[in-house]
């Protein structure tokens, strides 16, 4: 494989007194299953899906924060490390597994659709990604 797509997960600190995400009984298990499935799928296209766990902490007070606790980078396609919210914009169903799949597939198969930093089409959501 000659192309590596990175998914970066920040350490999530849940502010359950402010907001709670309960779509999945165990979010980490659902994300591991998704990554496993996508690794096989992307390998058929010569793309290695790599997971990186960062020590940076992300406080989760809402769905936007959850989106922004995950980043995707695919340097061989010219996509720097952008938060998931930057890549997919607003979520329709507030399903983080579905949204992560959508973000990974967009970066892998249509990187030209990801707005560059500084674009007037990107709505800043103060996640620190630089948009």
C-alpha atoms as a PDB file:
ATOM      1  CA  UNK A   1       0.000   0.000   0.000  1.00  0.00           C
ATOM      2  CA  UNK A   2       1.327   3.369  -0.905  1.00  0.00           C
ATOM      3  CA  UNK A   3      -1.240   5.748   0.549  1.00  0.00           C
ATOM      4  CA  UNK A   4      -1.995   6.237   4.233  1.00  0.00           C
ATOM      5  CA  UNK A   5      -5.146   7.867   5.560  1.00  0.00           C
ATOM      6  CA  UNK A   6      -4.958   8.766   9.248  1.00  0.00           C
ATOM      7  CA  UNK A   7      -7.868   9.024  11.643  1.00  0.00           C
ATOM      8  CA  UNK A   8      -6.845  10.870  14.791  1.00  0.00           C
ATOM      9  CA  UNK A   9      -8.862  10.507  17.968  1.00  0.00           C
ATOM     10  CA  UNK A  10      -8.434  12.957  20.826  1.00  0.00           C
ATOM     11  CA  UNK A  11      -8.966  11.833  24.390  1.00  0.00           C
ATOM     12  CA  UNK A  12     -12.626  12.698  24.998  1.00  0.00           C
ATOM     13  CA  UNK A  13     -13.739  14.170  28.313  1.00  0.00           C
ATOM     14  CA  UNK A  14     -17.512  13.966  28.545  1.00  0.00           C
ATOM     15  CA  UNK A  15     -19.341  16.858  30.225  1.00  0.00           C
ATOM     16  CA  UNK A  16     -22.380  14.720  30.980  1.00  0.00           C
ATOM     17  CA  UNK A  17     -23.881  17.435  33.141  1.00  0.00           C
ATOM     18  CA  UNK A  18     -24.089  19.578  29.978  1.00  0.00           C
ATOM     19  CA  UNK A  19     -24.762  17.012  27.227  1.00  0.00           C
ATOM     20  CA  UNK A  20     -24.943  13.245  26.843  1.00  0.00           C
ATOM     21  CA  UNK A  21     -24.564  11.142  23.692  1.00  0.00           C
ATOM     22  CA  UNK A  22     -26.366   7.829  24.066  1.00  0.00           C
ATOM     23  CA  UNK A  23     -26.981   6.611  20.510  1.00  0.00           C
ATOM     24  CA  UNK A  24     -24.600   3.694  21.134  1.00  0.00           C
ATOM     25  CA  UNK A  25     -24.349   1.578  24.246  1.00  0.00           C
ATOM     26  CA  UNK A  26     -20.557   1.734  23.885  1.00  0.00           C
ATOM     27  CA  UNK A  27     -19.289   4.342  21.441  1.00  0.00           C
ATOM     28  CA  UNK A  28     -15.713   3.023  21.460  1.00  0.00           C
ATOM     29  CA  UNK A  29     -16.899  -0.466  20.453  1.00  0.00           C
ATOM     30  CA  UNK A  30     -18.956   0.979  17.599  1.00  0.00           C
ATOM     31  CA  UNK A  31     -16.001   3.045  16.374  1.00  0.00           C
ATOM     32  CA  UNK A  32     -13.612   0.058  16.524  1.00  0.00           C
ATOM     33  CA  UNK A  33     -16.064  -2.002  14.448  1.00  0.00           C
ATOM     34  CA  UNK A  34     -16.335   0.801  11.877  1.00  0.00           C
ATOM     35  CA  UNK A  35     -12.576   1.241  11.607  1.00  0.00           C
ATOM     36  CA  UNK A  36     -12.082  -2.492  11.197  1.00  0.00           C
ATOM     37  CA  UNK A  37     -14.648  -2.587   8.381  1.00  0.00           C
ATOM     38  CA  UNK A  38     -13.192   0.458   6.636  1.00  0.00           C
ATOM     39  CA  UNK A  39      -9.616  -0.855   6.877  1.00  0.00           C
ATOM     40  CA  UNK A  40     -10.624  -3.855   4.770  1.00  0.00           C
ATOM     41  CA  UNK A  41     -12.678  -1.761   2.372  1.00  0.00           C
ATOM     42  CA  UNK A  42      -9.986   0.871   1.780  1.00  0.00           C
ATOM     43  CA  UNK A  43      -7.212  -1.718   1.448  1.00  0.00           C
ATOM     44  CA  UNK A  44      -8.844  -2.877  -1.785  1.00  0.00           C
ATOM     45  CA  UNK A  45      -8.119   0.610  -3.159  1.00  0.00           C
ATOM     46  CA  UNK A  46      -4.506   0.675  -1.960  1.00  0.00           C
ATOM     47  CA  UNK A  47      -5.251   2.895   1.035  1.00  0.00           C
ATOM     48  CA  UNK A  48      -3.986   2.007   4.495  1.00  0.00           C
ATOM     49  CA  UNK A  49      -6.286   3.291   7.234  1.00  0.00           C
ATOM     50  CA  UNK A  50      -4.259   4.120  10.309  1.00  0.00           C
ATOM     51  CA  UNK A  51      -5.636   5.108  13.711  1.00  0.00           C
ATOM     52  CA  UNK A  52      -3.752   7.523  15.937  1.00  0.00           C
ATOM     53  CA  UNK A  53      -4.757   8.217  19.527  1.00  0.00           C
ATOM     54  CA  UNK A  54      -3.627  11.668  20.633  1.00  0.00           C
ATOM     55  CA  UNK A  55      -3.111  12.651  24.228  1.00  0.00           C
ATOM     56  CA  UNK A  56      -4.767  15.993  23.545  1.00  0.00           C
ATOM     57  CA  UNK A  57      -7.978  16.278  25.470  1.00  0.00           C
ATOM     58  CA  UNK A  58     -11.257  17.382  23.962  1.00  0.00           C
ATOM     59  CA  UNK A  59     -14.105  18.375  26.263  1.00  0.00           C
ATOM     60  CA  UNK A  60     -17.403  17.176  24.822  1.00  0.00           C
ATOM     61  CA  UNK A  61     -20.302  19.535  25.556  1.00  0.00           C
ATOM     62  CA  UNK A  62     -22.317  18.822  22.400  1.00  0.00           C
ATOM     63  CA  UNK A  63     -22.324  17.021  19.082  1.00  0.00           C
ATOM     64  CA  UNK A  64     -20.074  19.603  17.429  1.00  0.00           C
ATOM     65  CA  UNK A  65     -17.413  18.918  20.053  1.00  0.00           C
ATOM     66  CA  UNK A  66     -17.737  15.194  19.396  1.00  0.00           C
ATOM     67  CA  UNK A  67     -17.204  15.776  15.661  1.00  0.00           C
ATOM     68  CA  UNK A  68     -14.203  17.921  16.414  1.00  0.00           C
ATOM     69  CA  UNK A  69     -12.583  15.338  18.701  1.00  0.00           C
ATOM     70  CA  UNK A  70     -11.786  13.359  15.548  1.00  0.00           C
ATOM     71  CA  UNK A  71      -9.489  14.445  12.733  1.00  0.00           C
ATOM     72  CA  UNK A  72      -8.716  12.975   9.327  1.00  0.00           C
ATOM     73  CA  UNK A  73      -5.517  13.441   7.357  1.00  0.00           C
ATOM     74  CA  UNK A  74      -4.652  12.097   3.906  1.00  0.00           C
ATOM     75  CA  UNK A  75      -1.473  13.882   2.857  1.00  0.00           C
ATOM     76  CA  UNK A  76      -1.053  11.986  -0.427  1.00  0.00           C
ATOM     77  CA  UNK A  77      -4.372  13.516  -1.539  1.00  0.00           C
ATOM     78  CA  UNK A  78      -3.492  16.978  -0.255  1.00  0.00           C
ATOM     79  CA  UNK A  79      -5.790  16.881   2.768  1.00  0.00           C
ATOM     80  CA  UNK A  80      -4.134  18.229   5.902  1.00  0.00           C
ATOM     81  CA  UNK A  81      -5.321  17.236   9.339  1.00  0.00           C
ATOM     82  CA  UNK A  82      -8.879  18.573   9.538  1.00  0.00           C
ATOM     83  CA  UNK A  83     -11.478  17.937  12.198  1.00  0.00           C
ATOM     84  CA  UNK A  84     -14.433  15.819  11.150  1.00  0.00           C
ATOM     85  CA  UNK A  85     -16.758  18.811  11.446  1.00  0.00           C
ATOM     86  CA  UNK A  86     -14.649  20.722   8.903  1.00  0.00           C
ATOM     87  CA  UNK A  87     -14.806  17.803   6.447  1.00  0.00           C
ATOM     88  CA  UNK A  88     -18.503  16.937   6.584  1.00  0.00           C
ATOM     89  CA  UNK A  89     -19.991  20.195   7.910  1.00  0.00           C
ATOM     90  CA  UNK A  90     -23.278  19.658   9.701  1.00  0.00           C
ATOM     91  CA  UNK A  91     -24.481  16.198  10.544  1.00  0.00           C
ATOM     92  CA  UNK A  92     -27.951  15.176   9.434  1.00  0.00           C
ATOM     93  CA  UNK A  93     -28.640  12.352  11.869  1.00  0.00           C
ATOM     94  CA  UNK A  94     -26.209  13.046  14.718  1.00  0.00           C
ATOM     95  CA  UNK A  95     -24.798   9.547  14.242  1.00  0.00           C
ATOM     96  CA  UNK A  96     -21.053   9.774  14.862  1.00  0.00           C
ATOM     97  CA  UNK A  97     -20.305   6.362  13.332  1.00  0.00           C
ATOM     98  CA  UNK A  98     -22.194   7.295  10.155  1.00  0.00           C
ATOM     99  CA  UNK A  99     -20.524  10.714  10.129  1.00  0.00           C
ATOM    100  CA  UNK A 100     -17.026   9.286  10.571  1.00  0.00           C
ATOM    101  CA  UNK A 101     -17.667   6.842   7.717  1.00  0.00           C
ATOM    102  CA  UNK A 102     -18.870   9.736   5.546  1.00  0.00           C
ATOM    103  CA  UNK A 103     -15.825  11.841   6.427  1.00  0.00           C
ATOM    104  CA  UNK A 104     -13.325   9.050   5.757  1.00  0.00           C
ATOM    105  CA  UNK A 105     -14.965   8.185   2.434  1.00  0.00           C
ATOM    106  CA  UNK A 106     -15.075  11.840   1.376  1.00  0.00           C
ATOM    107  CA  UNK A 107     -11.368  12.292   2.078  1.00  0.00           C
ATOM    108  CA  UNK A 108     -10.421   8.943   0.495  1.00  0.00           C
ATOM    109  CA  UNK A 109     -12.512   9.179  -2.672  1.00  0.00           C
ATOM    110  CA  UNK A 110     -13.336  12.862  -3.180  1.00  0.00           C
ATOM    111  CA  UNK A 111     -10.668  14.932  -1.401  1.00  0.00           C
ATOM    112  CA  UNK A 112     -11.306  17.833  -3.759  1.00  0.00           C
ATOM    113  CA  UNK A 113     -14.679  18.334  -2.022  1.00  0.00           C
ATOM    114  CA  UNK A 114     -13.012  19.205   1.295  1.00  0.00           C
ATOM    115  CA  UNK A 115     -12.837  22.959   1.615  1.00  0.00           C
ATOM    116  CA  UNK A 116      -9.310  24.236   2.296  1.00  0.00           C
ATOM    117  CA  UNK A 117      -8.544  26.191   5.446  1.00  0.00           C
ATOM    118  CA  UNK A 118      -9.458  29.825   5.025  1.00  0.00           C
ATOM    119  CA  UNK A 119     -12.258  29.121   2.549  1.00  0.00           C
ATOM    120  CA  UNK A 120     -15.270  31.391   2.931  1.00  0.00           C
ATOM    121  CA  UNK A 121     -17.489  28.292   2.701  1.00  0.00           C
ATOM    122  CA  UNK A 122     -16.156  26.836   5.961  1.00  0.00           C
ATOM    123  CA  UNK A 123     -18.069  27.858   9.046  1.00  0.00           C
ATOM    124  CA  UNK A 124     -15.700  28.152  11.998  1.00  0.00           C
ATOM    125  CA  UNK A 125     -16.856  26.237  15.027  1.00  0.00           C
ATOM    126  CA  UNK A 126     -13.906  27.127  17.291  1.00  0.00           C
ATOM    127  CA  UNK A 127     -12.406  23.649  17.451  1.00  0.00           C
ATOM    128  CA  UNK A 128      -8.854  24.848  16.865  1.00  0.00           C
ATOM    129  CA  UNK A 129      -8.405  23.207  13.442  1.00  0.00           C
ATOM    130  CA  UNK A 130      -7.345  26.478  11.880  1.00  0.00           C
ATOM    131  CA  UNK A 131     -10.314  27.044   9.576  1.00  0.00           C
END
